[in-house]
PDB file of N, CA and C in Angstrom:
ATOM      1  N   MET A   1      99.018  91.956   0.799  1.00  0.00           N
ATOM      2  CA  MET A   1      98.463  90.797   0.534  1.00  0.00           C
ATOM      3  C   MET A   1      99.566  89.362   0.626  1.00  0.00           C
ATOM      4  N   ALA A   2      98.949  88.342   1.178  1.00  0.00           N
ATOM      5  CA  ALA A   2     100.016  87.465   1.465  1.00  0.00           C
ATOM      6  C   ALA A   2      99.472  86.214   0.283  1.00  0.00           C
ATOM      7  N   LEU A   3     100.492  85.576   0.200  1.00  0.00           N
ATOM      8  CA  LEU A   3     100.362  84.242  -0.662  1.00  0.00           C
ATOM      9  C   LEU A   3      99.284  83.206   0.154  1.00  0.00           C
ATOM     10  N   GLU A   4      98.327  82.633  -0.722  1.00  0.00           N
ATOM     11  CA  GLU A   4      97.417  81.744   0.195  1.00  0.00           C
ATOM     12  C   GLU A   4      97.867  80.869   0.931  1.00  0.00           C
ATOM     13  N   LEU A   5      99.237  79.847   0.708  1.00  0.00           N
ATOM     14  CA  LEU A   5      99.434  79.169   0.961  1.00  0.00           C
ATOM     15  C   LEU A   5      98.593  77.838   0.859  1.00  0.00           C
ATOM     16  N   ARG A   6      98.259  77.243  -0.319  1.00  0.00           N
ATOM     17  CA  ARG A   6      97.201  76.338  -0.500  1.00  0.00           C
ATOM     18  C   ARG A   6      97.692  74.970   0.212  1.00  0.00           C
ATOM     19  N   PRO A   7      96.724  74.425   0.714  1.00  0.00           N
ATOM     20  CA  PRO A   7      97.271  73.077   1.573  1.00  0.00           C
ATOM     21  C   PRO A   7      97.489  72.177   0.737  1.00  0.00           C
ATOM     22  N   THR A   8      97.224  71.626  -0.555  1.00  0.00           N
ATOM     23  CA  THR A   8      97.668  70.436  -1.195  1.00  0.00           C
ATOM     24  C   THR A   8      97.951  70.624  -2.554  1.00  0.00           C
ATOM     25  N   CYS A   9      98.483  69.375  -3.084  1.00  0.00           N
ATOM     26  CA  CYS A   9      99.070  69.507  -4.332  1.00  0.00           C
ATOM     27  C   CYS A   9      97.845  69.438  -5.388  1.00  0.00           C
ATOM     28  N   GLU A  10      97.770  70.217  -6.325  1.00  0.00           N
ATOM     29  CA  GLU A  10      96.584  70.123  -7.302  1.00  0.00           C
ATOM     30  C   GLU A  10      96.538  68.798  -7.737  1.00  0.00           C
ATOM     31  N   HIS A  11      97.656  68.489  -8.244  1.00  0.00           N
ATOM     32  CA  HIS A  11      97.531  66.909  -9.148  1.00  0.00           C
ATOM     33  C   HIS A  11      97.379  65.706  -8.123  1.00  0.00           C
ATOM     34  N   CYS A  12      97.857  65.495  -7.181  1.00  0.00           N
ATOM     35  CA  CYS A  12      97.981  64.322  -6.385  1.00  0.00           C
ATOM     36  C   CYS A  12      97.366  64.307  -5.072  1.00  0.00           C
ATOM     37  N   ASN A  13      96.825  65.465  -4.567  1.00  0.00           N
ATOM     38  CA  ASN A  13      96.475  65.897  -3.181  1.00  0.00           C
ATOM     39  C   ASN A  13      97.330  65.704  -2.185  1.00  0.00           C
ATOM     40  N   LYS A  14      98.550  65.475  -2.407  1.00  0.00           N
ATOM     41  CA  LYS A  14      99.560  65.585  -0.990  1.00  0.00           C
ATOM     42  C   LYS A  14      99.404  66.818  -0.349  1.00  0.00           C
ATOM     43  N   ALA A  15      99.210  66.516   0.845  1.00  0.00           N
ATOM     44  CA  ALA A  15      99.359  67.663   1.879  1.00  0.00           C
ATOM     45  C   ALA A  15     100.646  68.533   1.512  1.00  0.00           C
ATOM     46  N   LEU A  16     100.575  69.846   1.708  1.00  0.00           N
ATOM     47  CA  LEU A  16     101.459  70.414   1.482  1.00  0.00           C
ATOM     48  C   LEU A  16     101.236  71.801   2.767  1.00  0.00           C
ATOM     49  N   PRO A  17     101.730  71.337   3.899  1.00  0.00           N
ATOM     50  CA  PRO A  17     101.195  72.444   5.053  1.00  0.00           C
ATOM     51  C   PRO A  17     102.355  73.689   4.974  1.00  0.00           C
ATOM     52  N   PRO A  18     101.909  74.587   5.539  1.00  0.00           N
ATOM     53  CA  PRO A  18     102.623  75.859   5.230  1.00  0.00           C
ATOM     54  C   PRO A  18     104.192  76.171   5.721  1.00  0.00           C
ATOM     55  N   HIS A  19     104.429  75.049   6.342  1.00  0.00           N
ATOM     56  CA  HIS A  19     106.065  74.659   6.387  1.00  0.00           C
ATOM     57  C   HIS A  19     106.790  73.681   5.447  1.00  0.00           C
ATOM     58  N   SER A  20     106.021  73.543   4.501  1.00  0.00           N
ATOM     59  CA  SER A  20     106.554  72.230   3.648  1.00  0.00           C
ATOM     60  C   SER A  20     107.554  73.098   2.483  1.00  0.00           C
ATOM     61  N   THR A  21     108.660  72.197   2.491  1.00  0.00           N
ATOM     62  CA  THR A  21     109.493  73.069   1.622  1.00  0.00           C
ATOM     63  C   THR A  21     109.283  71.984   0.048  1.00  0.00           C
ATOM     64  N   GLU A  22     108.446  71.402  -0.010  1.00  0.00           N
ATOM     65  CA  GLU A  22     108.216  70.628  -1.188  1.00  0.00           C
ATOM     66  C   GLU A  22     107.045  71.175  -2.266  1.00  0.00           C
ATOM     67  N   ALA A  23     106.243  72.475  -1.462  1.00  0.00           N
ATOM     68  CA  ALA A  23     105.465  72.941  -2.020  1.00  0.00           C
ATOM     69  C   ALA A  23     106.328  73.863  -3.443  1.00  0.00           C
ATOM     70  N   ARG A  24     105.454  73.817  -4.787  1.00  0.00           N
ATOM     71  CA  ARG A  24     105.975  74.645  -5.834  1.00  0.00           C
ATOM     72  C   ARG A  24     104.800  75.651  -6.527  1.00  0.00           C
ATOM     73  N   ILE A  25     105.250  76.772  -6.588  1.00  0.00           N
ATOM     74  CA  ILE A  25     104.033  77.391  -7.462  1.00  0.00           C
ATOM     75  C   ILE A  25     104.448  78.001  -8.304  1.00  0.00           C
ATOM     76  N   CYS A  26     103.309  78.407  -9.288  1.00  0.00           N
ATOM     77  CA  CYS A  26     103.688  79.249 -10.664  1.00  0.00           C
ATOM     78  C   CYS A  26     103.359  80.903 -10.109  1.00  0.00           C
ATOM     79  N   SER A  27     103.286  81.581 -11.155  1.00  0.00           N
ATOM     80  CA  SER A  27     103.268  83.189 -10.789  1.00  0.00           C
ATOM     81  C   SER A  27     101.574  83.281 -10.450  1.00  0.00           C
ATOM     82  N   PHE A  28     100.526  82.341 -10.722  1.00  0.00           N
ATOM     83  CA  PHE A  28      99.335  82.554 -10.325  1.00  0.00           C
ATOM     84  C   PHE A  28      99.067  81.905  -9.259  1.00  0.00           C
ATOM     85  N   GLU A  29      99.796  81.246  -8.430  1.00  0.00           N
ATOM     86  CA  GLU A  29     100.123  80.385  -7.285  1.00  0.00           C
ATOM     87  C   GLU A  29      99.519  79.017  -7.069  1.00  0.00           C
ATOM     88  N   CYS A  30      99.525  78.623  -8.376  1.00  0.00           N
ATOM     89  CA  CYS A  30      99.170  77.180  -8.742  1.00  0.00           C
ATOM     90  C   CYS A  30      99.848  76.699  -7.883  1.00  0.00           C
ATOM     91  N   THR A  31      99.599  75.409  -7.326  1.00  0.00           N
ATOM     92  CA  THR A  31     100.418  74.804  -6.080  1.00  0.00           C
ATOM     93  C   THR A  31     100.505  73.339  -6.556  1.00  0.00           C
ATOM     94  N   PHE A  32     101.616  72.888  -6.621  1.00  0.00           N
ATOM     95  CA  PHE A  32     101.873  71.373  -6.779  1.00  0.00           C
ATOM     96  C   PHE A  32     103.288  71.182  -6.023  1.00  0.00           C
ATOM     97  N   CYS A  33     103.075  69.688  -5.739  1.00  0.00           N
ATOM     98  CA  CYS A  33     104.472  69.163  -5.004  1.00  0.00           C
ATOM     99  C   CYS A  33     105.679  69.091  -5.819  1.00  0.00           C
ATOM    100  N   ALA A  34     106.555  69.105  -5.457  1.00  0.00           N
ATOM    101  CA  ALA A  34     108.131  68.905  -6.438  1.00  0.00           C
ATOM    102  C   ALA A  34     107.917  67.813  -7.362  1.00  0.00           C
ATOM    103  N   ALA A  35     107.520  66.246  -6.692  1.00  0.00           N
ATOM    104  CA  ALA A  35     107.362  65.407  -7.495  1.00  0.00           C
ATOM    105  C   ALA A  35     106.245  65.553  -8.873  1.00  0.00           C
ATOM    106  N   CYS A  36     105.423  66.248  -8.648  1.00  0.00           N
ATOM    107  CA  CYS A  36     104.420  66.482  -9.777  1.00  0.00           C
ATOM    108  C   CYS A  36     104.708  67.385 -10.772  1.00  0.00           C
ATOM    109  N   VAL A  37     105.567  68.507  -9.919  1.00  0.00           N
ATOM    110  CA  VAL A  37     106.049  69.253 -11.053  1.00  0.00           C
ATOM    111  C   VAL A  37     107.337  68.698 -12.047  1.00  0.00           C
ATOM    112  N   GLY A  38     107.835  67.668 -11.554  1.00  0.00           N
ATOM    113  CA  GLY A  38     108.767  66.880 -12.479  1.00  0.00           C
ATOM    114  C   GLY A  38     108.009  66.092 -13.320  1.00  0.00           C
ATOM    115  N   LEU A  39     106.824  65.628 -12.777  1.00  0.00           N
ATOM    116  CA  LEU A  39     105.910  64.798 -13.918  1.00  0.00           C
ATOM    117  C   LEU A  39     105.327  65.772 -14.843  1.00  0.00           C
ATOM    118  N   LEU A  40     105.279  67.064 -14.394  1.00  0.00           N
ATOM    119  CA  LEU A  40     104.641  68.004 -15.543  1.00  0.00           C
ATOM    120  C   LEU A  40     105.705  68.906 -16.352  1.00  0.00           C
ATOM    121  N   ASP A  41     107.051  68.370 -16.116  1.00  0.00           N
ATOM    122  CA  ASP A  41     108.116  69.027 -16.992  1.00  0.00           C
ATOM    123  C   ASP A  41     108.183  70.521 -16.523  1.00  0.00           C
ATOM    124  N   ASN A  42     108.157  71.079 -15.399  1.00  0.00           N
ATOM    125  CA  ASN A  42     107.858  72.396 -14.791  1.00  0.00           C
ATOM    126  C   ASN A  42     107.309  73.126 -15.827  1.00  0.00           C
ATOM    127  N   VAL A  43     106.017  72.873 -16.230  1.00  0.00           N
ATOM    128  CA  VAL A  43     104.927  73.669 -17.076  1.00  0.00           C
ATOM    129  C   VAL A  43     103.859  73.536 -16.422  1.00  0.00           C
ATOM    130  N   CYS A  44     103.318  74.561 -15.865  1.00  0.00           N
ATOM    131  CA  CYS A  44     102.046  74.465 -15.010  1.00  0.00           C
ATOM    132  C   CYS A  44     100.923  74.334 -16.127  1.00  0.00           C
ATOM    133  N   PRO A  45     100.001  73.429 -15.585  1.00  0.00           N
ATOM    134  CA  PRO A  45      99.020  72.893 -16.745  1.00  0.00           C
ATOM    135  C   PRO A  45      97.920  73.995 -16.656  1.00  0.00           C
ATOM    136  N   ASN A  46      97.955  74.873 -15.801  1.00  0.00           N
ATOM    137  CA  ASN A  46      96.881  76.041 -15.915  1.00  0.00           C
ATOM    138  C   ASN A  46      97.028  77.017 -16.744  1.00  0.00           C
ATOM    139  N   CYS A  47      98.688  77.537 -16.877  1.00  0.00           N
ATOM    140  CA  CYS A  47      98.908  78.959 -17.276  1.00  0.00           C
ATOM    141  C   CYS A  47     100.194  78.854 -18.316  1.00  0.00           C
ATOM    142  N   GLY A  48     100.893  77.524 -18.173  1.00  0.00           N
ATOM    143  CA  GLY A  48     101.984  77.387 -19.107  1.00  0.00           C
ATOM    144  C   GLY A  48     103.202  77.775 -18.535  1.00  0.00           C
ATOM    145  N   GLY A  49     103.123  78.647 -17.550  1.00  0.00           N
ATOM    146  CA  GLY A  49     104.208  79.047 -16.460  1.00  0.00           C
ATOM    147  C   GLY A  49     105.182  78.046 -15.948  1.00  0.00           C
ATOM    148  N   GLY A  50     106.468  78.500 -15.604  1.00  0.00           N
ATOM    149  CA  GLY A  50     106.920  77.657 -14.540  1.00  0.00           C
ATOM    150  C   GLY A  50     107.021  77.484 -13.205  1.00  0.00           C
ATOM    151  N   PHE A  51     107.564  77.000 -12.455  1.00  0.00           N
ATOM    152  CA  PHE A  51     107.440  76.773 -10.907  1.00  0.00           C
ATOM    153  C   PHE A  51     108.611  77.190 -10.326  1.00  0.00           C
ATOM    154  N   VAL A  52     108.287  77.627  -9.051  1.00  0.00           N
ATOM    155  CA  VAL A  52     109.613  77.912  -8.078  1.00  0.00           C
ATOM    156  C   VAL A  52     109.112  77.450  -6.763  1.00  0.00           C
ATOM    157  N   PRO A  53     110.103  77.185  -6.134  1.00  0.00           N
ATOM    158  CA  PRO A  53     109.746  76.697  -4.617  1.00  0.00           C
ATOM    159  C   PRO A  53     108.845  77.833  -3.838  1.00  0.00           C
ATOM    160  N   ARG A  54     108.012  77.469  -3.214  1.00  0.00           N
ATOM    161  CA  ARG A  54     106.868  78.407  -2.607  1.00  0.00           C
ATOM    162  C   ARG A  54     107.685  78.827  -0.814  1.00  0.00           C
ATOM    163  N   PRO A  55     107.596  79.861  -0.580  1.00  0.00           N
ATOM    164  CA  PRO A  55     108.379  80.641   0.523  1.00  0.00           C
ATOM    165  C   PRO A  55     107.472  79.689   1.754  1.00  0.00           C
ATOM    166  N   VAL A  56     108.234  79.748   2.431  1.00  0.00           N
ATOM    167  CA  VAL A  56     107.673  79.259   3.857  1.00  0.00           C
ATOM    168  C   VAL A  56     107.276  80.405   4.766  1.00  0.00           C
ATOM    169  N   ARG A  57     105.955  80.519   5.445  1.00  0.00           N
ATOM    170  CA  ARG A  57     105.532  81.794   6.077  1.00  0.00           C
ATOM    171  C   ARG A  57     106.260  81.678   7.704  1.00  0.00           C
ATOM    172  N   PRO A  58     106.810  82.454   8.124  1.00  0.00           N
ATOM    173  CA  PRO A  58     107.301  82.429   9.280  1.00  0.00           C
ATOM    174  C   PRO A  58     105.839  81.921  10.551  1.00  0.00           C
ATOM    175  N   SER A  59     106.610  80.774  11.435  1.00  0.00           N
ATOM    176  CA  SER A  59     105.264  80.250  12.254  1.00  0.00           C
ATOM    177  C   SER A  59     105.456  81.131  13.628  1.00  0.00           C
ATOM    178  N   ARG A  60     106.343  82.077  13.622  1.00  0.00           N
ATOM    179  CA  ARG A  60     106.664  82.749  14.860  1.00  0.00           C
ATOM    180  C   ARG A  60     106.374  84.187  14.548  1.00  0.00           C
ATOM    181  N   GLN A  61     106.097  85.350  15.572  1.00  0.00           N
ATOM    182  CA  GLN A  61     105.947  86.695  15.329  1.00  0.00           C
ATOM    183  C   GLN A  61     107.150  87.008  15.449  1.00  0.00           C
ATOM    184  N   TRP A  62     108.049  87.540  14.211  1.00  0.00           N
ATOM    185  CA  TRP A  62     109.412  88.281  14.633  1.00  0.00           C
ATOM    186  C   TRP A  62     109.084  89.516  14.199  1.00  0.00           C
ATOM    187  N   LYS A  63     108.148  90.048  13.584  1.00  0.00           N
ATOM    188  CA  LYS A  63     107.981  91.276  13.367  1.00  0.00           C
ATOM    189  C   LYS A  63     106.758  91.768  12.846  1.00  0.00           C
ATOM    190  N   GLY A  64     106.159  92.857  13.297  1.00  0.00           N
ATOM    191  CA  GLY A  64     104.449  92.710  13.013  1.00  0.00           C
ATOM    192  C   GLY A  64     103.607  91.827  13.121  1.00  0.00           C
ATOM    193  N   ALA A  65     102.720  92.050  12.088  1.00  0.00           N
ATOM    194  CA  ALA A  65     101.780  90.637  11.439  1.00  0.00           C
ATOM    195  C   ALA A  65     102.061  89.740  11.088  1.00  0.00           C
ATOM    196  N   ALA A  66     103.438  89.876  10.592  1.00  0.00           N
ATOM    197  CA  ALA A  66     103.658  88.723   9.248  1.00  0.00           C
ATOM    198  C   ALA A  66     104.181  87.468   9.727  1.00  0.00           C
ATOM    199  N   TYR A  67     103.316  87.048  10.027  1.00  0.00           N
ATOM    200  CA  TYR A  67     103.395  85.644  10.479  1.00  0.00           C
ATOM    201  C   TYR A  67     102.159  84.457  10.417  1.00  0.00           C
ATOM    202  N   LEU A  68     102.291  82.991  10.447  1.00  0.00           N
ATOM    203  CA  LEU A  68     101.227  82.359  10.214  1.00  0.00           C
ATOM    204  C   LEU A  68      99.890  82.511  10.943  1.00  0.00           C
ATOM    205  N   ALA A  69     100.396  82.763  12.443  1.00  0.00           N
ATOM    206  CA  ALA A  69      98.962  82.935  13.214  1.00  0.00           C
ATOM    207  C   ALA A  69      98.139  84.189  12.721  1.00  0.00           C
ATOM    208  N   GLU A  70      98.646  85.176  12.399  1.00  0.00           N
ATOM    209  CA  GLU A  70      98.172  86.277  12.060  1.00  0.00           C
ATOM    210  C   GLU A  70      97.726  86.524  10.442  1.00  0.00           C
ATOM    211  N   ARG A  71      98.445  85.864   9.550  1.00  0.00           N
ATOM    212  CA  ARG A  71      98.017  85.385   8.099  1.00  0.00           C
ATOM    213  C   ARG A  71      98.007  84.164   8.038  1.00  0.00           C
ATOM    214  N   PRO A  72      96.702  83.268   8.567  1.00  0.00           N
ATOM    215  CA  PRO A  72      96.816  81.866   8.188  1.00  0.00           C
ATOM    216  C   PRO A  72      96.950  81.296   6.895  1.00  0.00           C
ATOM    217  N   ALA A  73      97.130  80.434   6.673  1.00  0.00           N
ATOM    218  CA  ALA A  73      97.242  79.382   5.223  1.00  0.00           C
ATOM    219  C   ALA A  73      95.784  79.201   4.677  1.00  0.00           C
ATOM    220  N   SER A  74      95.801  78.814   3.642  1.00  0.00           N
ATOM    221  CA  SER A  74      94.188  78.655   3.010  1.00  0.00           C
ATOM    222  C   SER A  74      93.871  77.316   3.321  1.00  0.00           C
ATOM    223  N   THR A  75      92.805  76.714   3.689  1.00  0.00           N
ATOM    224  CA  THR A  75      92.026  75.663   3.943  1.00  0.00           C
ATOM    225  C   THR A  75      91.503  75.174   2.689  1.00  0.00           C
ATOM    226  N   THR A  76      91.424  75.910   1.645  1.00  0.00           N
ATOM    227  CA  THR A  76      90.476  75.506   0.468  1.00  0.00           C
ATOM    228  C   THR A  76      91.339  74.634  -0.451  1.00  0.00           C
ATOM    229  N   VAL A  77      91.059  73.519  -0.504  1.00  0.00           N
ATOM    230  CA  VAL A  77      91.849  72.438  -1.529  1.00  0.00           C
ATOM    231  C   VAL A  77      91.409  72.679  -2.797  1.00  0.00           C
ATOM    232  N   LYS A  78      92.301  72.633  -3.927  1.00  0.00           N
ATOM    233  CA  LYS A  78      91.796  72.538  -5.177  1.00  0.00           C
ATOM    234  C   LYS A  78      92.812  71.545  -6.093  1.00  0.00           C
ATOM    235  N   HIS A  79      91.861  70.437  -5.728  1.00  0.00           N
ATOM    236  CA  HIS A  79      92.445  69.116  -6.315  1.00  0.00           C
ATOM    237  C   HIS A  79      91.857  68.832  -7.710  1.00  0.00           C
ATOM    238  N   ARG A  80      92.752  69.424  -8.676  1.00  0.00           N
ATOM    239  CA  ARG A  80      92.145  69.162 -10.233  1.00  0.00           C
ATOM    240  C   ARG A  80      93.409  68.382 -10.937  1.00  0.00           C
ATOM    241  N   PRO A  81      93.407  66.973 -10.621  1.00  0.00           N
ATOM    242  CA  PRO A  81      94.210  66.163 -11.443  1.00  0.00           C
ATOM    243  C   PRO A  81      94.527  66.174 -12.818  1.00  0.00           C
ATOM    244  N   VAL A  82      95.610  66.383 -13.280  1.00  0.00           N
ATOM    245  CA  VAL A  82      96.079  66.454 -14.454  1.00  0.00           C
ATOM    246  C   VAL A  82      95.818  65.626 -15.433  1.00  0.00           C
ATOM    247  N   ASP A  83      95.403  65.786 -16.629  1.00  0.00           N
ATOM    248  CA  ASP A  83      95.508  64.611 -17.802  1.00  0.00           C
ATOM    249  C   ASP A  83      96.946  64.599 -18.293  1.00  0.00           C
ATOM    250  N   LEU A  84      97.393  63.723 -17.841  1.00  0.00           N
ATOM    251  CA  LEU A  84      98.918  63.532 -18.011  1.00  0.00           C
ATOM    252  C   LEU A  84      99.368  63.427 -19.608  1.00  0.00           C
ATOM    253  N   SER A  85      98.552  62.763 -20.488  1.00  0.00           N
ATOM    254  CA  SER A  85      98.757  62.654 -21.593  1.00  0.00           C
ATOM    255  C   SER A  85      98.608  63.720 -22.373  1.00  0.00           C
ATOM    256  N   GLU A  86      97.380  64.420 -22.188  1.00  0.00           N
ATOM    257  CA  GLU A  86      97.239  65.829 -22.574  1.00  0.00           C
ATOM    258  C   GLU A  86      98.040  66.796 -22.205  1.00  0.00           C
ATOM    259  N   HIS A  87      98.747  66.813 -21.104  1.00  0.00           N
ATOM    260  CA  HIS A  87      99.594  68.033 -20.784  1.00  0.00           C
ATOM    261  C   HIS A  87     100.639  67.410 -21.423  1.00  0.00           C
ATOM    262  N   ARG A  88     101.288  66.439 -21.878  1.00  0.00           N
ATOM    263  CA  ARG A  88     102.689  66.242 -22.372  1.00  0.00           C
ATOM    264  C   ARG A  88     102.571  66.650 -23.625  1.00  0.00           C
ATOM    265  N   ALA A  89     101.437  66.590 -24.527  1.00  0.00           N
ATOM    266  CA  ALA A  89     101.251  67.559 -25.662  1.00  0.00           C
ATOM    267  C   ALA A  89     101.311  68.993 -25.410  1.00  0.00           C
ATOM    268  N   PHE A  90     100.733  69.494 -24.612  1.00  0.00           N
ATOM    269  CA  PHE A  90     100.864  70.702 -24.007  1.00  0.00           C
ATOM    270  C   PHE A  90     102.434  71.406 -23.768  1.00  0.00           C
ATOM    271  N   ALA A  91     102.729  70.660 -22.820  1.00  0.00           N
ATOM    272  CA  ALA A  91     104.031  70.818 -22.302  1.00  0.00           C
ATOM    273  C   ALA A  91     105.363  70.510 -23.762  1.00  0.00           C
ATOM    274  N   ALA A  92     105.035  70.165 -24.473  1.00  0.00           N
ATOM    275  CA  ALA A  92     105.680  69.537 -25.544  1.00  0.00           C
ATOM    276  C   ALA A  92     106.167  70.970 -26.539  1.00  0.00           C
ATOM    277  N   LYS A  93     104.881  71.837 -26.612  1.00  0.00           N
ATOM    278  CA  LYS A  93     105.037  73.424 -27.173  1.00  0.00           C
ATOM    279  C   LYS A  93     105.805  74.214 -26.458  1.00  0.00           C
ATOM    280  N   LEU A  94     106.141  74.109 -25.295  1.00  0.00           N
ATOM    281  CA  LEU A  94     107.063  74.704 -24.685  1.00  0.00           C
ATOM    282  C   LEU A  94     108.315  74.418 -24.007  1.00  0.00           C
ATOM    283  N   ALA A  95     108.432  72.987 -24.499  1.00  0.00           N
ATOM    284  CA  ALA A  95     109.938  72.617 -24.421  1.00  0.00           C
ATOM    285  C   ALA A  95     110.693  73.208 -24.493  1.00  0.00           C
ATOM    286  N   GLY A  96     111.349  74.007 -25.524  1.00  0.00           N
ATOM    287  CA  GLY A  96     112.292  74.510 -25.758  1.00  0.00           C
ATOM    288  C   GLY A  96     112.711  76.029 -25.399  1.00  0.00           C
ATOM    289  N   ILE A  97     111.741  76.605 -24.435  1.00  0.00           N
ATOM    290  CA  ILE A  97     111.209  77.887 -23.984  1.00  0.00           C
ATOM    291  C   ILE A  97     111.571  77.940 -22.548  1.00  0.00           C
ATOM    292  N   ARG A  98     112.506  78.613 -22.009  1.00  0.00           N
ATOM    293  CA  ARG A  98     112.623  78.822 -20.650  1.00  0.00           C
ATOM    294  C   ARG A  98     111.598  79.340 -19.805  1.00  0.00           C
ATOM    295  N   PRO A  99     111.139  78.829 -18.733  1.00  0.00           N
ATOM    296  CA  PRO A  99     109.897  79.480 -18.065  1.00  0.00           C
ATOM    297  C   PRO A  99     109.820  81.342 -17.856  1.00  0.00           C
ATOM    298  N   GLU A 100     111.124  81.689 -17.757  1.00  0.00           N
ATOM    299  CA  GLU A 100     110.962  83.258 -18.034  1.00  0.00           C
ATOM    300  C   GLU A 100     111.032  83.781 -19.053  1.00  0.00           C
ATOM    301  N   GLU A 101     111.076  82.899 -20.190  1.00  0.00           N
ATOM    302  CA  GLU A 101     110.544  83.470 -21.389  1.00  0.00           C
ATOM    303  C   GLU A 101     109.581  83.233 -22.309  1.00  0.00           C
ATOM    304  N   ARG A 102     108.585  82.687 -21.356  1.00  0.00           N
ATOM    305  CA  ARG A 102     107.391  82.095 -21.798  1.00  0.00           C
ATOM    306  C   ARG A 102     106.337  83.125 -21.888  1.00  0.00           C
TER     307      ARG A 102
END
């Protein structure tokens, strides 16, 4: 099973193509751009987890079927803007807890 590589930031809807180094994901693959992860204080609004850079899937076939043409990125947009004032209250509860300890 490969990552979906969702096409946009869930908050601002910025394009995040498969080769983007600005994409960040949580363990549930919620996808946000690096700028929005900063706004969210590295707290996923959907699960409370932290974010890591999303891997870039190889665009060329280096070995087997493990490349973009064979395992294409998702085209399904999940644009769910975050209510930042509500999120600040949620993120404040997790402020002293490192993502790996949440």
